[in-house]
């Protein structure tokens, strides 16, 4: 996931082609979308800072030799999975950083190849890898054996588990999510989140996390909400995060190929989520005016109720982070850095 937006990413709704426009292009502003669901407020009005002491562990060094340009890190069971854009593969490691195998056939459009990797999800011995650019999802065994792939329309950005099926976040679709079976057959579309959703779809991009009860959580990248869904894909609750930031509007311009939209800009970006021992961890990245002032934190919420618990600052500035027991696996400056709680 791109945490710092240095150019304006435009997706043409008509063709689905991603292009880039300079900030000098004439843009039309759209009003901020209104949320369509009741929102539960937090009892805390500001962050409660936890003083957690972490020490670096040797496991972080073991990742370095096998990674080129890591962009996503996730932990499933006793394994660490990393999406590496250097060779366009997902790599599987032990918790101590021992390289086990690579998954995927690299860059391309053939079977098991990817134009990019925007997310992945592991269940048992299977892994599904999403390529928004190629508009498909590829299925492998976790040992790297290719099994199949299916196309997504208009294009999937994220994937998570939904009971025995999958849920995908779609880009440019009237509804934000699709539930599909493990072969890619669409079972239903859902996710009417805000007003003028088709116009403001870039403001809705975010991340998905699988919940222990078979449901999932949706976290917008630019707004301070947690959407908790049950295993049937129904919204259980929408909870305001500690930052209380509303959905921003987008901007657009008319092109010869259709209407092009510009992603919002924000000094606070909400990143990847993971659930560990009943606690939902949300990465928050603060983009301050100077590089030295930029930092990342993990906000802690009760995974069932969405109630805010506390916050701790990460030892290093991170674009992704996963908590597993007493360890934190941080993706920082192109490396996996591992810390253990003292």
C-alpha atoms as a PDB file:
ATOM      1  CA  UNK A   1       0.000   0.000   0.000  1.00  0.00           C
ATOM      2  CA  UNK A   2       1.265   3.446  -0.888  1.00  0.00           C
ATOM      3  CA  UNK A   3       1.571   5.398   2.370  1.00  0.00           C
ATOM      4  CA  UNK A   4       3.104   8.585   0.971  1.00  0.00           C
ATOM      5  CA  UNK A   5       1.382   9.907  -2.154  1.00  0.00           C
ATOM      6  CA  UNK A   6       3.880  11.930  -4.203  1.00  0.00           C
ATOM      7  CA  UNK A   7       1.923  11.934  -7.446  1.00  0.00           C
ATOM      8  CA  UNK A   8      -1.786  11.903  -8.182  1.00  0.00           C
ATOM      9  CA  UNK A   9      -3.056   8.428  -9.010  1.00  0.00           C
ATOM     10  CA  UNK A  10      -5.961   8.529 -11.418  1.00  0.00           C
ATOM     11  CA  UNK A  11      -8.126   5.562 -12.326  1.00  0.00           C
ATOM     12  CA  UNK A  12     -10.260   5.914 -15.426  1.00  0.00           C
ATOM     13  CA  UNK A  13     -13.637   4.423 -14.579  1.00  0.00           C
ATOM     14  CA  UNK A  14     -14.528   3.749 -18.199  1.00  0.00           C
ATOM     15  CA  UNK A  15     -11.408   1.778 -19.133  1.00  0.00           C
ATOM     16  CA  UNK A  16     -10.005   0.747 -15.767  1.00  0.00           C
ATOM     17  CA  UNK A  17      -6.581   2.034 -16.830  1.00  0.00           C
ATOM     18  CA  UNK A  18      -4.370   3.621 -14.206  1.00  0.00           C
ATOM     19  CA  UNK A  19      -2.598   6.816 -15.321  1.00  0.00           C
ATOM     20  CA  UNK A  20      -0.809   9.631 -13.534  1.00  0.00           C
ATOM     21  CA  UNK A  21      -1.499  13.340 -13.812  1.00  0.00           C
ATOM     22  CA  UNK A  22       0.530  16.203 -12.440  1.00  0.00           C
ATOM     23  CA  UNK A  23      -0.797  18.416  -9.671  1.00  0.00           C
ATOM     24  CA  UNK A  24      -1.080  21.270 -12.163  1.00  0.00           C
ATOM     25  CA  UNK A  25      -3.989  19.611 -14.001  1.00  0.00           C
ATOM     26  CA  UNK A  26      -7.310  21.424 -13.569  1.00  0.00           C
ATOM     27  CA  UNK A  27      -9.386  19.462 -11.064  1.00  0.00           C
ATOM     28  CA  UNK A  28     -12.994  19.674  -9.915  1.00  0.00           C
ATOM     29  CA  UNK A  29     -13.601  19.246  -6.175  1.00  0.00           C
ATOM     30  CA  UNK A  30     -16.425  16.984  -4.986  1.00  0.00           C
ATOM     31  CA  UNK A  31     -18.089  17.510  -1.625  1.00  0.00           C
ATOM     32  CA  UNK A  32     -17.147  15.261   1.273  1.00  0.00           C
ATOM     33  CA  UNK A  33     -19.272  12.089   1.266  1.00  0.00           C
ATOM     34  CA  UNK A  34     -21.644  11.432   4.166  1.00  0.00           C
ATOM     35  CA  UNK A  35     -21.455   8.131   6.038  1.00  0.00           C
ATOM     36  CA  UNK A  36     -24.605   5.998   5.727  1.00  0.00           C
ATOM     37  CA  UNK A  37     -24.504   4.100   9.020  1.00  0.00           C
ATOM     38  CA  UNK A  38     -24.831   4.917  12.697  1.00  0.00           C
ATOM     39  CA  UNK A  39     -21.418   5.404  14.271  1.00  0.00           C
ATOM     40  CA  UNK A  40     -20.417   4.407  17.786  1.00  0.00           C
ATOM     41  CA  UNK A  41     -18.220   7.000  19.498  1.00  0.00           C
ATOM     42  CA  UNK A  42     -15.216   6.185  21.646  1.00  0.00           C
ATOM     43  CA  UNK A  43     -15.273   6.976  25.363  1.00  0.00           C
ATOM     44  CA  UNK A  44     -11.675   8.201  25.171  1.00  0.00           C
ATOM     45  CA  UNK A  45     -11.231  11.655  23.679  1.00  0.00           C
ATOM     46  CA  UNK A  46      -7.491  11.384  23.082  1.00  0.00           C
ATOM     47  CA  UNK A  47      -4.817   8.723  22.860  1.00  0.00           C
ATOM     48  CA  UNK A  48      -3.734   6.785  25.933  1.00  0.00           C
ATOM     49  CA  UNK A  49      -0.023   6.186  25.478  1.00  0.00           C
ATOM     50  CA  UNK A  50       1.435   2.869  26.596  1.00  0.00           C
ATOM     51  CA  UNK A  51       5.098   2.671  27.513  1.00  0.00           C
ATOM     52  CA  UNK A  52       6.059  -0.593  25.908  1.00  0.00           C
ATOM     53  CA  UNK A  53       9.760  -1.389  25.865  1.00  0.00           C
ATOM     54  CA  UNK A  54      11.003  -3.391  22.908  1.00  0.00           C
ATOM     55  CA  UNK A  55      14.419  -4.704  22.016  1.00  0.00           C
ATOM     56  CA  UNK A  56      15.534  -5.678  18.488  1.00  0.00           C
ATOM     57  CA  UNK A  57      16.007  -9.399  17.949  1.00  0.00           C
ATOM     58  CA  UNK A  58      18.263 -11.268  15.561  1.00  0.00           C
ATOM     59  CA  UNK A  59      15.292 -12.576  13.571  1.00  0.00           C
ATOM     60  CA  UNK A  60      15.144  -9.261  11.702  1.00  0.00           C
ATOM     61  CA  UNK A  61      18.571  -9.783  10.152  1.00  0.00           C
ATOM     62  CA  UNK A  62      17.594 -13.161   8.714  1.00  0.00           C
ATOM     63  CA  UNK A  63      14.992 -11.602   6.380  1.00  0.00           C
ATOM     64  CA  UNK A  64      17.426  -9.311   4.574  1.00  0.00           C
ATOM     65  CA  UNK A  65      19.109 -11.747   2.206  1.00  0.00           C
ATOM     66  CA  UNK A  66      15.812 -12.932   0.709  1.00  0.00           C
ATOM     67  CA  UNK A  67      13.979  -9.620   0.202  1.00  0.00           C
ATOM     68  CA  UNK A  68      14.413  -6.998  -2.513  1.00  0.00           C
ATOM     69  CA  UNK A  69      11.543  -4.508  -2.149  1.00  0.00           C
ATOM     70  CA  UNK A  70       9.057  -5.697   0.489  1.00  0.00           C
ATOM     71  CA  UNK A  71       5.721  -3.852   0.640  1.00  0.00           C
ATOM     72  CA  UNK A  72       3.324  -6.023   2.689  1.00  0.00           C
ATOM     73  CA  UNK A  73       3.980  -8.265   5.691  1.00  0.00           C
ATOM     74  CA  UNK A  74       1.424 -10.617   7.277  1.00  0.00           C
ATOM     75  CA  UNK A  75       1.558 -13.425   9.799  1.00  0.00           C
ATOM     76  CA  UNK A  76      -0.558 -16.549   9.475  1.00  0.00           C
ATOM     77  CA  UNK A  77      -0.060 -19.269  12.071  1.00  0.00           C
ATOM     78  CA  UNK A  78       3.636 -19.748  12.619  1.00  0.00           C
ATOM     79  CA  UNK A  79       4.791 -18.212   9.349  1.00  0.00           C
ATOM     80  CA  UNK A  80       5.586 -14.727   8.093  1.00  0.00           C
ATOM     81  CA  UNK A  81       4.522 -13.868   4.534  1.00  0.00           C
ATOM     82  CA  UNK A  82       5.990 -10.892   2.681  1.00  0.00           C
ATOM     83  CA  UNK A  83       4.904  -9.455  -0.682  1.00  0.00           C
ATOM     84  CA  UNK A  84       8.143  -8.536  -2.452  1.00  0.00           C
ATOM     85  CA  UNK A  85       7.762  -6.141  -5.391  1.00  0.00           C
ATOM     86  CA  UNK A  86      11.438  -6.590  -6.245  1.00  0.00           C
ATOM     87  CA  UNK A  87      10.683  -9.865  -8.008  1.00  0.00           C
ATOM     88  CA  UNK A  88       6.862  -9.822  -7.660  1.00  0.00           C
ATOM     89  CA  UNK A  89       6.551 -12.838  -5.390  1.00  0.00           C
ATOM     90  CA  UNK A  90       5.191 -13.582  -1.932  1.00  0.00           C
ATOM     91  CA  UNK A  91       7.874 -15.090   0.289  1.00  0.00           C
ATOM     92  CA  UNK A  92       7.289 -17.385   3.242  1.00  0.00           C
ATOM     93  CA  UNK A  93       9.486 -17.378   6.331  1.00  0.00           C
ATOM     94  CA  UNK A  94       9.569 -18.895   9.775  1.00  0.00           C
ATOM     95  CA  UNK A  95       8.900 -16.535  12.673  1.00  0.00           C
ATOM     96  CA  UNK A  96      12.671 -16.285  13.131  1.00  0.00           C
ATOM     97  CA  UNK A  97      13.242 -15.190   9.538  1.00  0.00           C
ATOM     98  CA  UNK A  98      14.319 -18.485   7.984  1.00  0.00           C
ATOM     99  CA  UNK A  99      13.430 -18.368   4.277  1.00  0.00           C
ATOM    100  CA  UNK A 100      11.206 -21.313   3.329  1.00  0.00           C
ATOM    101  CA  UNK A 101      10.002 -20.677  -0.225  1.00  0.00           C
ATOM    102  CA  UNK A 102       8.755 -18.131  -2.752  1.00  0.00           C
ATOM    103  CA  UNK A 103       5.211 -18.125  -4.110  1.00  0.00           C
ATOM    104  CA  UNK A 104       4.508 -16.848  -7.625  1.00  0.00           C
ATOM    105  CA  UNK A 105       6.190 -16.789 -11.015  1.00  0.00           C
ATOM    106  CA  UNK A 106       7.255 -13.141 -11.093  1.00  0.00           C
ATOM    107  CA  UNK A 107       6.250 -10.245 -13.317  1.00  0.00           C
ATOM    108  CA  UNK A 108       3.987 -10.919 -16.266  1.00  0.00           C
ATOM    109  CA  UNK A 109       0.492 -11.823 -17.389  1.00  0.00           C
ATOM    110  CA  UNK A 110       0.839 -15.591 -17.591  1.00  0.00           C
ATOM    111  CA  UNK A 111      -0.368 -18.190 -15.072  1.00  0.00           C
ATOM    112  CA  UNK A 112       0.983 -17.368 -11.612  1.00  0.00           C
ATOM    113  CA  UNK A 113       2.448 -14.044 -12.770  1.00  0.00           C
ATOM    114  CA  UNK A 114       1.520 -10.561 -11.555  1.00  0.00           C
ATOM    115  CA  UNK A 115       1.466  -7.008 -12.840  1.00  0.00           C
ATOM    116  CA  UNK A 116       1.651  -5.996  -9.183  1.00  0.00           C
ATOM    117  CA  UNK A 117       0.678  -7.440  -5.804  1.00  0.00           C
ATOM    118  CA  UNK A 118      -1.752  -5.397  -3.729  1.00  0.00           C
ATOM    119  CA  UNK A 119      -2.765  -7.986  -1.131  1.00  0.00           C
ATOM    120  CA  UNK A 120      -2.885 -11.671  -0.238  1.00  0.00           C
ATOM    121  CA  UNK A 121      -4.724 -13.979   2.139  1.00  0.00           C
ATOM    122  CA  UNK A 122      -3.733 -17.360   3.582  1.00  0.00           C
ATOM    123  CA  UNK A 123      -6.086 -20.091   4.798  1.00  0.00           C
ATOM    124  CA  UNK A 124      -4.714 -23.503   5.671  1.00  0.00           C
ATOM    125  CA  UNK A 125      -2.471 -24.649   2.821  1.00  0.00           C
ATOM    126  CA  UNK A 126      -3.859 -22.120   0.297  1.00  0.00           C
ATOM    127  CA  UNK A 127      -2.877 -18.544  -0.503  1.00  0.00           C
ATOM    128  CA  UNK A 128      -4.765 -16.119  -2.770  1.00  0.00           C
ATOM    129  CA  UNK A 129      -2.686 -13.266  -4.245  1.00  0.00           C
ATOM    130  CA  UNK A 130      -4.373 -10.145  -5.644  1.00  0.00           C
ATOM    131  CA  UNK A 131      -3.048  -8.160  -8.609  1.00  0.00           C
ATOM    132  CA  UNK A 132      -5.040  -4.975  -9.206  1.00  0.00           C
ATOM    133  CA  UNK A 133      -3.055  -4.130 -12.319  1.00  0.00           C
ATOM    134  CA  UNK A 134      -3.704  -7.549 -13.867  1.00  0.00           C
ATOM    135  CA  UNK A 135      -7.255  -7.599 -12.464  1.00  0.00           C
ATOM    136  CA  UNK A 136      -6.977 -11.179 -11.259  1.00  0.00           C
ATOM    137  CA  UNK A 137      -6.472 -13.303  -8.164  1.00  0.00           C
ATOM    138  CA  UNK A 138      -4.098 -16.278  -8.269  1.00  0.00           C
ATOM    139  CA  UNK A 139      -4.356 -19.294  -5.994  1.00  0.00           C
ATOM    140  CA  UNK A 140      -1.317 -21.272  -4.850  1.00  0.00           C
ATOM    141  CA  UNK A 141      -0.413 -23.816  -2.239  1.00  0.00           C
ATOM    142  CA  UNK A 142       1.749 -22.176   0.401  1.00  0.00           C
ATOM    143  CA  UNK A 143       4.645 -24.341  -0.800  1.00  0.00           C
ATOM    144  CA  UNK A 144       4.546 -22.353  -4.063  1.00  0.00           C
ATOM    145  CA  UNK A 145       2.583 -24.773  -6.264  1.00  0.00           C
ATOM    146  CA  UNK A 146       0.351 -22.852  -8.682  1.00  0.00           C
ATOM    147  CA  UNK A 147      -3.289 -23.967  -8.751  1.00  0.00           C
ATOM    148  CA  UNK A 148      -5.542 -21.522 -10.587  1.00  0.00           C
ATOM    149  CA  UNK A 149      -6.570 -17.906 -11.068  1.00  0.00           C
ATOM    150  CA  UNK A 150      -9.736 -15.947 -11.691  1.00  0.00           C
ATOM    151  CA  UNK A 151     -10.460 -12.520 -13.142  1.00  0.00           C
ATOM    152  CA  UNK A 152     -11.965  -9.682 -11.095  1.00  0.00           C
ATOM    153  CA  UNK A 153     -14.264  -6.995 -12.425  1.00  0.00           C
ATOM    154  CA  UNK A 154     -13.707  -4.079 -12.296  1.00  0.00           C
ATOM    155  CA  UNK A 155     -10.605  -4.890 -10.217  1.00  0.00           C
ATOM    156  CA  UNK A 156      -9.853  -6.103  -6.698  1.00  0.00           C
ATOM    157  CA  UNK A 157      -7.530  -4.202  -4.372  1.00  0.00           C
ATOM    158  CA  UNK A 158      -7.720  -6.257  -1.142  1.00  0.00           C
ATOM    159  CA  UNK A 159      -8.739  -9.721   0.014  1.00  0.00           C
ATOM    160  CA  UNK A 160      -9.622 -11.325   3.354  1.00  0.00           C
ATOM    161  CA  UNK A 161     -11.508 -14.295   4.700  1.00  0.00           C
ATOM    162  CA  UNK A 162     -15.306 -14.293   5.097  1.00  0.00           C
ATOM    163  CA  UNK A 163     -16.461 -17.509   6.779  1.00  0.00           C
ATOM    164  CA  UNK A 164     -15.486 -20.264   4.297  1.00  0.00           C
ATOM    165  CA  UNK A 165     -15.390 -17.780   1.402  1.00  0.00           C
ATOM    166  CA  UNK A 166     -13.361 -14.704   0.440  1.00  0.00           C
ATOM    167  CA  UNK A 167     -14.218 -11.019   0.527  1.00  0.00           C
ATOM    168  CA  UNK A 168     -12.593  -8.599  -1.915  1.00  0.00           C
ATOM    169  CA  UNK A 169     -12.479  -4.812  -1.899  1.00  0.00           C
ATOM    170  CA  UNK A 170     -13.292  -3.580  -5.397  1.00  0.00           C
ATOM    171  CA  UNK A 171     -12.092  -0.402  -7.092  1.00  0.00           C
ATOM    172  CA  UNK A 172     -14.621   1.685  -9.037  1.00  0.00           C
ATOM    173  CA  UNK A 173     -17.581  -0.593  -8.296  1.00  0.00           C
ATOM    174  CA  UNK A 174     -20.979   0.762  -7.139  1.00  0.00           C
ATOM    175  CA  UNK A 175     -20.590  -1.435  -4.039  1.00  0.00           C
ATOM    176  CA  UNK A 176     -17.283  -1.698  -2.226  1.00  0.00           C
ATOM    177  CA  UNK A 177     -17.099  -5.461  -1.625  1.00  0.00           C
ATOM    178  CA  UNK A 178     -17.672  -8.770  -3.342  1.00  0.00           C
ATOM    179  CA  UNK A 179     -18.092 -12.095  -1.603  1.00  0.00           C
ATOM    180  CA  UNK A 180     -16.670 -14.879  -3.771  1.00  0.00           C
ATOM    181  CA  UNK A 181     -16.122 -18.571  -3.269  1.00  0.00           C
ATOM    182  CA  UNK A 182     -12.598 -19.954  -3.341  1.00  0.00           C
ATOM    183  CA  UNK A 183     -12.748 -20.362  -7.141  1.00  0.00           C
ATOM    184  CA  UNK A 184     -13.759 -16.728  -7.711  1.00  0.00           C
ATOM    185  CA  UNK A 185     -17.477 -17.202  -8.350  1.00  0.00           C
ATOM    186  CA  UNK A 186     -19.236 -14.021  -7.213  1.00  0.00           C
ATOM    187  CA  UNK A 187     -21.864 -14.766  -4.566  1.00  0.00           C
ATOM    188  CA  UNK A 188     -22.937 -11.209  -3.781  1.00  0.00           C
ATOM    189  CA  UNK A 189     -21.889  -7.579  -3.911  1.00  0.00           C
ATOM    190  CA  UNK A 190     -22.328  -5.348  -0.883  1.00  0.00           C
ATOM    191  CA  UNK A 191     -20.877  -2.337   0.891  1.00  0.00           C
ATOM    192  CA  UNK A 192     -22.897   0.834   0.347  1.00  0.00           C
ATOM    193  CA  UNK A 193     -20.741   2.930   2.677  1.00  0.00           C
ATOM    194  CA  UNK A 194     -21.154   6.628   1.835  1.00  0.00           C
ATOM    195  CA  UNK A 195     -23.147   8.997  -0.352  1.00  0.00           C
ATOM    196  CA  UNK A 196     -21.896   9.534  -3.917  1.00  0.00           C
ATOM    197  CA  UNK A 197     -19.841   6.390  -3.556  1.00  0.00           C
ATOM    198  CA  UNK A 198     -19.086   5.949  -7.258  1.00  0.00           C
ATOM    199  CA  UNK A 199     -17.559   9.434  -7.418  1.00  0.00           C
ATOM    200  CA  UNK A 200     -15.669   9.088  -4.128  1.00  0.00           C
ATOM    201  CA  UNK A 201     -14.390   5.536  -4.500  1.00  0.00           C
ATOM    202  CA  UNK A 202     -10.741   6.584  -4.127  1.00  0.00           C
ATOM    203  CA  UNK A 203     -11.579   8.048  -0.701  1.00  0.00           C
ATOM    204  CA  UNK A 204     -12.833   4.584   0.284  1.00  0.00           C
ATOM    205  CA  UNK A 205      -9.675   2.641  -0.452  1.00  0.00           C
ATOM    206  CA  UNK A 206      -8.278   0.989   2.635  1.00  0.00           C
ATOM    207  CA  UNK A 207      -7.403  -2.364   4.137  1.00  0.00           C
ATOM    208  CA  UNK A 208      -9.194  -5.542   5.190  1.00  0.00           C
ATOM    209  CA  UNK A 209      -8.456  -7.786   8.144  1.00  0.00           C
ATOM    210  CA  UNK A 210      -9.874 -11.213   8.936  1.00  0.00           C
ATOM    211  CA  UNK A 211     -11.558 -11.602  12.330  1.00  0.00           C
ATOM    212  CA  UNK A 212     -11.380 -14.697  14.487  1.00  0.00           C
ATOM    213  CA  UNK A 213     -15.167 -15.306  14.279  1.00  0.00           C
ATOM    214  CA  UNK A 214     -15.127 -15.538  10.464  1.00  0.00           C
ATOM    215  CA  UNK A 215     -16.071 -11.916   9.850  1.00  0.00           C
ATOM    216  CA  UNK A 216     -13.801  -9.121   8.683  1.00  0.00           C
ATOM    217  CA  UNK A 217     -12.899  -5.528   9.444  1.00  0.00           C
ATOM    218  CA  UNK A 218     -12.657  -2.743   6.865  1.00  0.00           C
ATOM    219  CA  UNK A 219     -10.401   0.213   7.710  1.00  0.00           C
ATOM    220  CA  UNK A 220     -10.510   3.218   5.337  1.00  0.00           C
ATOM    221  CA  UNK A 221      -7.125   4.701   4.534  1.00  0.00           C
ATOM    222  CA  UNK A 222      -8.258   8.325   4.800  1.00  0.00           C
ATOM    223  CA  UNK A 223     -11.025   8.229   7.454  1.00  0.00           C
ATOM    224  CA  UNK A 224     -11.160   7.334  11.131  1.00  0.00           C
ATOM    225  CA  UNK A 225     -13.617   4.414  11.222  1.00  0.00           C
ATOM    226  CA  UNK A 226     -13.619   0.680  11.873  1.00  0.00           C
ATOM    227  CA  UNK A 227     -16.297  -1.267   9.985  1.00  0.00           C
ATOM    228  CA  UNK A 228     -16.866  -4.626  11.670  1.00  0.00           C
ATOM    229  CA  UNK A 229     -18.697  -7.219   9.531  1.00  0.00           C
ATOM    230  CA  UNK A 230     -20.039 -10.575  10.673  1.00  0.00           C
ATOM    231  CA  UNK A 231     -19.403 -13.868   8.881  1.00  0.00           C
ATOM    232  CA  UNK A 232     -22.490 -13.303   6.681  1.00  0.00           C
ATOM    233  CA  UNK A 233     -21.091 -10.005   5.387  1.00  0.00           C
ATOM    234  CA  UNK A 234     -23.508  -7.851   7.396  1.00  0.00           C
ATOM    235  CA  UNK A 235     -22.301  -4.754   9.241  1.00  0.00           C
ATOM    236  CA  UNK A 236     -22.297  -5.436  12.970  1.00  0.00           C
ATOM    237  CA  UNK A 237     -21.106  -1.977  13.948  1.00  0.00           C
ATOM    238  CA  UNK A 238     -19.241   1.083  12.718  1.00  0.00           C
ATOM    239  CA  UNK A 239     -16.896   2.519  15.318  1.00  0.00           C
ATOM    240  CA  UNK A 240     -15.153   5.874  15.268  1.00  0.00           C
ATOM    241  CA  UNK A 241     -11.410   5.608  15.797  1.00  0.00           C
ATOM    242  CA  UNK A 242      -9.517   7.806  18.192  1.00  0.00           C
ATOM    243  CA  UNK A 243      -8.657  10.253  15.372  1.00  0.00           C
ATOM    244  CA  UNK A 244     -12.298  11.005  14.389  1.00  0.00           C
ATOM    245  CA  UNK A 245     -11.459  11.968  10.809  1.00  0.00           C
ATOM    246  CA  UNK A 246     -14.440  12.022   8.369  1.00  0.00           C
ATOM    247  CA  UNK A 247     -14.310  10.703   4.829  1.00  0.00           C
ATOM    248  CA  UNK A 248     -12.733  13.288   2.513  1.00  0.00           C
ATOM    249  CA  UNK A 249     -14.076  14.210  -0.895  1.00  0.00           C
ATOM    250  CA  UNK A 250     -12.173  13.510  -4.084  1.00  0.00           C
ATOM    251  CA  UNK A 251     -11.376  15.654  -7.107  1.00  0.00           C
ATOM    252  CA  UNK A 252     -11.795  14.796 -10.762  1.00  0.00           C
ATOM    253  CA  UNK A 253     -11.321  16.076 -14.283  1.00  0.00           C
ATOM    254  CA  UNK A 254     -12.781  15.207 -17.674  1.00  0.00           C
ATOM    255  CA  UNK A 255     -10.474  13.412 -20.117  1.00  0.00           C
ATOM    256  CA  UNK A 256     -10.941  12.084 -23.628  1.00  0.00           C
ATOM    257  CA  UNK A 257     -11.250   8.577 -22.143  1.00  0.00           C
ATOM    258  CA  UNK A 258     -13.698   9.394 -19.370  1.00  0.00           C
ATOM    259  CA  UNK A 259     -13.673  10.964 -15.924  1.00  0.00           C
ATOM    260  CA  UNK A 260     -10.388  10.757 -14.024  1.00  0.00           C
ATOM    261  CA  UNK A 261     -10.308  10.926 -10.216  1.00  0.00           C
ATOM    262  CA  UNK A 262      -7.580  12.079  -7.854  1.00  0.00           C
ATOM    263  CA  UNK A 263      -6.924  10.333  -4.524  1.00  0.00           C
ATOM    264  CA  UNK A 264      -7.284  12.475  -1.386  1.00  0.00           C
ATOM    265  CA  UNK A 265      -4.284  13.838   0.483  1.00  0.00           C
ATOM    266  CA  UNK A 266      -3.981  13.581   4.248  1.00  0.00           C
ATOM    267  CA  UNK A 267      -1.430  14.143   6.997  1.00  0.00           C
ATOM    268  CA  UNK A 268      -2.780  11.058   8.777  1.00  0.00           C
ATOM    269  CA  UNK A 269      -2.990   7.723   6.941  1.00  0.00           C
ATOM    270  CA  UNK A 270      -4.502   4.544   8.371  1.00  0.00           C
ATOM    271  CA  UNK A 271      -2.628   1.445   7.307  1.00  0.00           C
ATOM    272  CA  UNK A 272      -2.723  -2.307   7.641  1.00  0.00           C
ATOM    273  CA  UNK A 273      -4.565  -4.071  10.466  1.00  0.00           C
ATOM    274  CA  UNK A 274      -4.094  -7.381  12.207  1.00  0.00           C
ATOM    275  CA  UNK A 275      -5.828  -9.192  15.049  1.00  0.00           C
ATOM    276  CA  UNK A 276      -3.850 -10.982  17.738  1.00  0.00           C
ATOM    277  CA  UNK A 277      -5.310 -12.505  20.920  1.00  0.00           C
ATOM    278  CA  UNK A 278      -8.578 -10.585  20.597  1.00  0.00           C
ATOM    279  CA  UNK A 279      -6.927  -7.206  20.040  1.00  0.00           C
ATOM    280  CA  UNK A 280      -7.163  -5.334  16.740  1.00  0.00           C
ATOM    281  CA  UNK A 281      -4.001  -3.381  15.901  1.00  0.00           C
ATOM    282  CA  UNK A 282      -4.273  -0.506  13.427  1.00  0.00           C
ATOM    283  CA  UNK A 283      -1.185   1.108  11.970  1.00  0.00           C
ATOM    284  CA  UNK A 284      -1.378   4.910  11.819  1.00  0.00           C
ATOM    285  CA  UNK A 285       1.211   6.912   9.923  1.00  0.00           C
ATOM    286  CA  UNK A 286       1.675  10.616  10.616  1.00  0.00           C
ATOM    287  CA  UNK A 287       3.109  12.600   7.695  1.00  0.00           C
ATOM    288  CA  UNK A 288       4.676  15.630   9.330  1.00  0.00           C
ATOM    289  CA  UNK A 289       6.374  18.507   7.569  1.00  0.00           C
ATOM    290  CA  UNK A 290       9.880  17.079   7.884  1.00  0.00           C
ATOM    291  CA  UNK A 291      11.126  13.531   7.518  1.00  0.00           C
ATOM    292  CA  UNK A 292      12.436  13.515  11.078  1.00  0.00           C
ATOM    293  CA  UNK A 293       8.990  14.319  12.465  1.00  0.00           C
ATOM    294  CA  UNK A 294       7.198  11.497  10.668  1.00  0.00           C
ATOM    295  CA  UNK A 295       6.368   8.494  12.806  1.00  0.00           C
ATOM    296  CA  UNK A 296       4.098   5.468  13.090  1.00  0.00           C
ATOM    297  CA  UNK A 297       1.982   4.153  15.927  1.00  0.00           C
ATOM    298  CA  UNK A 298      -0.174   1.124  16.581  1.00  0.00           C
ATOM    299  CA  UNK A 299      -3.603   1.859  18.005  1.00  0.00           C
ATOM    300  CA  UNK A 300      -5.145  -1.023  19.993  1.00  0.00           C
ATOM    301  CA  UNK A 301      -8.898  -1.776  19.874  1.00  0.00           C
ATOM    302  CA  UNK A 302     -11.009  -4.574  21.270  1.00  0.00           C
ATOM    303  CA  UNK A 303     -11.628  -6.770  18.219  1.00  0.00           C
ATOM    304  CA  UNK A 304     -15.215  -7.568  19.249  1.00  0.00           C
ATOM    305  CA  UNK A 305     -16.556  -4.203  20.415  1.00  0.00           C
ATOM    306  CA  UNK A 306     -14.185  -1.830  18.619  1.00  0.00           C
ATOM    307  CA  UNK A 307     -13.505  -0.015  21.910  1.00  0.00           C
ATOM    308  CA  UNK A 308     -10.231   1.887  21.919  1.00  0.00           C
ATOM    309  CA  UNK A 309      -7.671   0.527  24.399  1.00  0.00           C
ATOM    310  CA  UNK A 310      -4.330   2.297  24.029  1.00  0.00           C
ATOM    311  CA  UNK A 311      -1.543   3.351  21.663  1.00  0.00           C
ATOM    312  CA  UNK A 312       2.166   2.746  21.481  1.00  0.00           C
ATOM    313  CA  UNK A 313       4.715   4.329  19.210  1.00  0.00           C
ATOM    314  CA  UNK A 314       6.647   1.943  17.009  1.00  0.00           C
ATOM    315  CA  UNK A 315      10.409   1.759  17.535  1.00  0.00           C
ATOM    316  CA  UNK A 316      10.968   2.578  13.841  1.00  0.00           C
ATOM    317  CA  UNK A 317       8.953   4.491  11.237  1.00  0.00           C
ATOM    318  CA  UNK A 318       6.988   1.753   9.470  1.00  0.00           C
ATOM    319  CA  UNK A 319       4.730   1.373   6.443  1.00  0.00           C
ATOM    320  CA  UNK A 320       3.424  -1.941   7.759  1.00  0.00           C
ATOM    321  CA  UNK A 321       3.555  -3.744  11.088  1.00  0.00           C
ATOM    322  CA  UNK A 322       2.209  -7.011  12.465  1.00  0.00           C
ATOM    323  CA  UNK A 323       1.903  -8.029  16.112  1.00  0.00           C
ATOM    324  CA  UNK A 324       2.402 -11.682  17.030  1.00  0.00           C
ATOM    325  CA  UNK A 325       2.541 -12.437  20.736  1.00  0.00           C
ATOM    326  CA  UNK A 326       5.376 -10.423  22.279  1.00  0.00           C
ATOM    327  CA  UNK A 327       6.900  -9.596  18.891  1.00  0.00           C
ATOM    328  CA  UNK A 328       6.303  -6.827  16.361  1.00  0.00           C
ATOM    329  CA  UNK A 329       7.373  -7.321  12.741  1.00  0.00           C
ATOM    330  CA  UNK A 330       7.911  -3.841  11.240  1.00  0.00           C
ATOM    331  CA  UNK A 331       8.388  -3.040   7.566  1.00  0.00           C
ATOM    332  CA  UNK A 332      10.731  -0.059   7.647  1.00  0.00           C
ATOM    333  CA  UNK A 333      13.064   1.387   4.994  1.00  0.00           C
ATOM    334  CA  UNK A 334      12.748  -1.692   2.802  1.00  0.00           C
ATOM    335  CA  UNK A 335      13.536  -4.198   5.556  1.00  0.00           C
ATOM    336  CA  UNK A 336      11.697  -6.384   8.045  1.00  0.00           C
ATOM    337  CA  UNK A 337      12.787  -5.330  11.533  1.00  0.00           C
ATOM    338  CA  UNK A 338      11.708  -7.492  14.461  1.00  0.00           C
ATOM    339  CA  UNK A 339      11.287  -6.316  18.048  1.00  0.00           C
ATOM    340  CA  UNK A 340      10.431  -8.268  21.165  1.00  0.00           C
ATOM    341  CA  UNK A 341       8.674  -6.895  24.204  1.00  0.00           C
ATOM    342  CA  UNK A 342      10.853  -6.868  27.329  1.00  0.00           C
END
